[in-house]
Amino acid sequence: MAVEFTDANFDQLVLKSDKPVLVDFWAEWCGPCRMVGPVVEELAKEYDGKAVIGKLNVDNNPAVSAQFGVRNIPTLLLFKNGQIVDKQVGAVPKNVLDGKLKAQL
């Protein structure tokens, strides 16, 4: 299951992770976000133990969204060693995100 990232746990779960981390910045009212949501859940199951995959609700967590300049959603940021290594804005097929994750393992 995808991890729920928040302003409070972001540093610990994302920036200090020893595994690659995919963060889906989303909101309830965003149609394309609802299309990406199930894909993020599938990837979370498939990469369990190899990568950390989760979602951050931009409406409930404005600090992290502002910190990384997220203006459009869905935005998916891929972190490795606390740094952004890849970025995807907008809804994309699962194979695109899968390829980005594989490149970081």
C-alpha atoms as a PDB file:
ATOM      1  CA  MET A   1       0.000   0.000   0.000  1.00  0.00           C
ATOM      2  CA  ALA A   2       1.194   3.505  -0.812  1.00  0.00           C
ATOM      3  CA  VAL A   3       2.615   5.501   2.102  1.00  0.00           C
ATOM      4  CA  GLU A   4       0.837   8.702   3.120  1.00  0.00           C
ATOM      5  CA  PHE A   5       3.413  11.479   3.183  1.00  0.00           C
ATOM      6  CA  THR A   6       2.733  14.651   5.171  1.00  0.00           C
ATOM      7  CA  ASP A   7       4.500  17.888   6.019  1.00  0.00           C
ATOM      8  CA  ALA A   8       5.334  16.264   9.371  1.00  0.00           C
ATOM      9  CA  ASN A   9       6.854  12.971   8.143  1.00  0.00           C
ATOM     10  CA  PHE A  10       8.328  14.029   4.763  1.00  0.00           C
ATOM     11  CA  ASP A  11      11.920  14.614   5.936  1.00  0.00           C
ATOM     12  CA  GLN A  12      12.075  11.283   7.745  1.00  0.00           C
ATOM     13  CA  LEU A  13      10.321   9.098   5.158  1.00  0.00           C
ATOM     14  CA  VAL A  14      11.553  10.727   1.944  1.00  0.00           C
ATOM     15  CA  LEU A  15      14.701  12.794   2.394  1.00  0.00           C
ATOM     16  CA  LYS A  16      16.359  10.368   4.836  1.00  0.00           C
ATOM     17  CA  SER A  17      15.295   7.166   3.057  1.00  0.00           C
ATOM     18  CA  ASP A  18      18.022   4.731   2.009  1.00  0.00           C
ATOM     19  CA  LYS A  19      15.803   3.599  -0.897  1.00  0.00           C
ATOM     20  CA  PRO A  20      14.488   5.503  -3.924  1.00  0.00           C
ATOM     21  CA  VAL A  21      11.226   7.301  -3.107  1.00  0.00           C
ATOM     22  CA  LEU A  22       8.393   8.163  -5.510  1.00  0.00           C
ATOM     23  CA  VAL A  23       6.077  10.907  -4.229  1.00  0.00           C
ATOM     24  CA  ASP A  24       2.728  11.531  -5.925  1.00  0.00           C
ATOM     25  CA  PHE A  25       1.574  15.106  -5.221  1.00  0.00           C
ATOM     26  CA  TRP A  26      -2.223  15.020  -5.621  1.00  0.00           C
ATOM     27  CA  ALA A  27      -5.598  16.402  -4.478  1.00  0.00           C
ATOM     28  CA  GLU A  28      -9.126  14.966  -4.097  1.00  0.00           C
ATOM     29  CA  TRP A  29     -10.609  17.338  -6.696  1.00  0.00           C
ATOM     30  CA  CYS A  30      -8.013  16.571  -9.409  1.00  0.00           C
ATOM     31  CA  GLY A  31      -9.313  14.277 -12.184  1.00  0.00           C
ATOM     32  CA  PRO A  32      -5.921  13.254 -13.611  1.00  0.00           C
ATOM     33  CA  CYS A  33      -4.754  12.549 -10.021  1.00  0.00           C
ATOM     34  CA  ARG A  34      -7.531   9.987  -9.682  1.00  0.00           C
ATOM     35  CA  MET A  35      -6.230   8.296 -12.848  1.00  0.00           C
ATOM     36  CA  VAL A  36      -2.671   8.100 -11.461  1.00  0.00           C
ATOM     37  CA  GLY A  37      -3.748   6.960  -7.963  1.00  0.00           C
ATOM     38  CA  PRO A  38      -4.368   3.271  -8.790  1.00  0.00           C
ATOM     39  CA  VAL A  39      -1.069   3.122 -10.729  1.00  0.00           C
ATOM     40  CA  VAL A  40       0.800   4.469  -7.674  1.00  0.00           C
ATOM     41  CA  GLU A  41      -0.898   1.826  -5.494  1.00  0.00           C
ATOM     42  CA  GLU A  42       0.134  -0.967  -7.912  1.00  0.00           C
ATOM     43  CA  LEU A  43       3.725   0.249  -8.020  1.00  0.00           C
ATOM     44  CA  ALA A  44       3.803   0.453  -4.210  1.00  0.00           C
ATOM     45  CA  LYS A  45       2.952  -3.267  -4.034  1.00  0.00           C
ATOM     46  CA  GLU A  46       5.370  -4.248  -6.790  1.00  0.00           C
ATOM     47  CA  TYR A  47       8.304  -2.295  -5.349  1.00  0.00           C
ATOM     48  CA  ASP A  48       7.662  -3.181  -1.704  1.00  0.00           C
ATOM     49  CA  GLY A  49      11.060  -3.531  -0.015  1.00  0.00           C
ATOM     50  CA  LYS A  50      12.923  -2.033  -2.995  1.00  0.00           C
ATOM     51  CA  ALA A  51      11.517   1.519  -3.068  1.00  0.00           C
ATOM     52  CA  VAL A  52       9.207   3.717  -1.003  1.00  0.00           C
ATOM     53  CA  ILE A  53       6.134   4.849  -2.919  1.00  0.00           C
ATOM     54  CA  GLY A  54       3.451   7.142  -1.609  1.00  0.00           C
ATOM     55  CA  LYS A  55       1.166  10.108  -1.962  1.00  0.00           C
ATOM     56  CA  LEU A  56       1.114  13.633  -0.564  1.00  0.00           C
ATOM     57  CA  ASN A  57      -2.176  15.575  -0.536  1.00  0.00           C
ATOM     58  CA  VAL A  58      -1.234  19.130  -1.580  1.00  0.00           C
ATOM     59  CA  ASP A  59      -4.307  20.662   0.080  1.00  0.00           C
ATOM     60  CA  ASN A  60      -3.446  19.160   3.476  1.00  0.00           C
ATOM     61  CA  ASN A  61       0.342  19.588   3.220  1.00  0.00           C
ATOM     62  CA  PRO A  62       1.142  22.992   1.690  1.00  0.00           C
ATOM     63  CA  ALA A  63       4.658  23.305   3.167  1.00  0.00           C
ATOM     64  CA  VAL A  64       6.246  20.412   1.265  1.00  0.00           C
ATOM     65  CA  SER A  65       4.349  21.308  -1.913  1.00  0.00           C
ATOM     66  CA  ALA A  66       5.718  24.863  -1.728  1.00  0.00           C
ATOM     67  CA  GLN A  67       9.227  23.654  -0.805  1.00  0.00           C
ATOM     68  CA  PHE A  68       9.471  21.729  -4.079  1.00  0.00           C
ATOM     69  CA  GLY A  69       7.574  24.258  -6.212  1.00  0.00           C
ATOM     70  CA  VAL A  70       4.686  21.948  -7.059  1.00  0.00           C
ATOM     71  CA  ARG A  71       2.220  24.082  -9.029  1.00  0.00           C
ATOM     72  CA  ASN A  72       0.524  21.500 -11.239  1.00  0.00           C
ATOM     73  CA  ILE A  73      -0.871  18.165 -10.142  1.00  0.00           C
ATOM     74  CA  PRO A  74      -0.400  15.349 -10.441  1.00  0.00           C
ATOM     75  CA  THR A  75       3.324  15.887 -10.050  1.00  0.00           C
ATOM     76  CA  LEU A  76       5.453  12.838  -9.294  1.00  0.00           C
ATOM     77  CA  LEU A  77       8.918  13.429  -7.895  1.00  0.00           C
ATOM     78  CA  LEU A  78      11.491  10.665  -7.612  1.00  0.00           C
ATOM     79  CA  PHE A  79      14.045  11.100  -4.845  1.00  0.00           C
ATOM     80  CA  LYS A  80      17.307   9.259  -4.235  1.00  0.00           C
ATOM     81  CA  ASN A  81      19.602  10.075  -1.307  1.00  0.00           C
ATOM     82  CA  GLY A  82      17.392  13.051  -0.426  1.00  0.00           C
ATOM     83  CA  GLN A  83      17.703  14.637  -3.892  1.00  0.00           C
ATOM     84  CA  ILE A  84      15.210  14.882  -6.757  1.00  0.00           C
ATOM     85  CA  VAL A  85      16.490  12.642  -9.557  1.00  0.00           C
ATOM     86  CA  ASP A  86      13.419  12.621 -11.816  1.00  0.00           C
ATOM     87  CA  LYS A  87      10.127  14.451 -12.257  1.00  0.00           C
ATOM     88  CA  GLN A  88       6.870  13.724 -14.056  1.00  0.00           C
ATOM     89  CA  VAL A  89       4.065  16.283 -14.377  1.00  0.00           C
ATOM     90  CA  GLY A  90       0.672  15.026 -15.489  1.00  0.00           C
ATOM     91  CA  ALA A  91      -0.931  11.615 -15.809  1.00  0.00           C
ATOM     92  CA  VAL A  92       1.173   8.975 -17.577  1.00  0.00           C
ATOM     93  CA  PRO A  93       0.859   5.228 -18.168  1.00  0.00           C
ATOM     94  CA  LYS A  94       2.239   2.841 -15.567  1.00  0.00           C
ATOM     95  CA  ASN A  95       5.177   1.764 -17.768  1.00  0.00           C
ATOM     96  CA  VAL A  96       6.571   5.328 -17.730  1.00  0.00           C
ATOM     97  CA  LEU A  97       6.711   5.440 -13.919  1.00  0.00           C
ATOM     98  CA  ASP A  98       7.942   1.839 -13.780  1.00  0.00           C
ATOM     99  CA  GLY A  99      10.855   2.750 -16.056  1.00  0.00           C
ATOM    100  CA  LYS A 100      11.776   5.770 -13.941  1.00  0.00           C
ATOM    101  CA  LEU A 101      11.800   3.614 -10.788  1.00  0.00           C
ATOM    102  CA  LYS A 102      13.860   0.833 -12.396  1.00  0.00           C
ATOM    103  CA  ALA A 103      16.459   3.395 -13.473  1.00  0.00           C
ATOM    104  CA  GLN A 104      17.042   4.312  -9.808  1.00  0.00           C
ATOM    105  CA  LEU A 105      17.369   0.804  -8.356  1.00  0.00           C
END
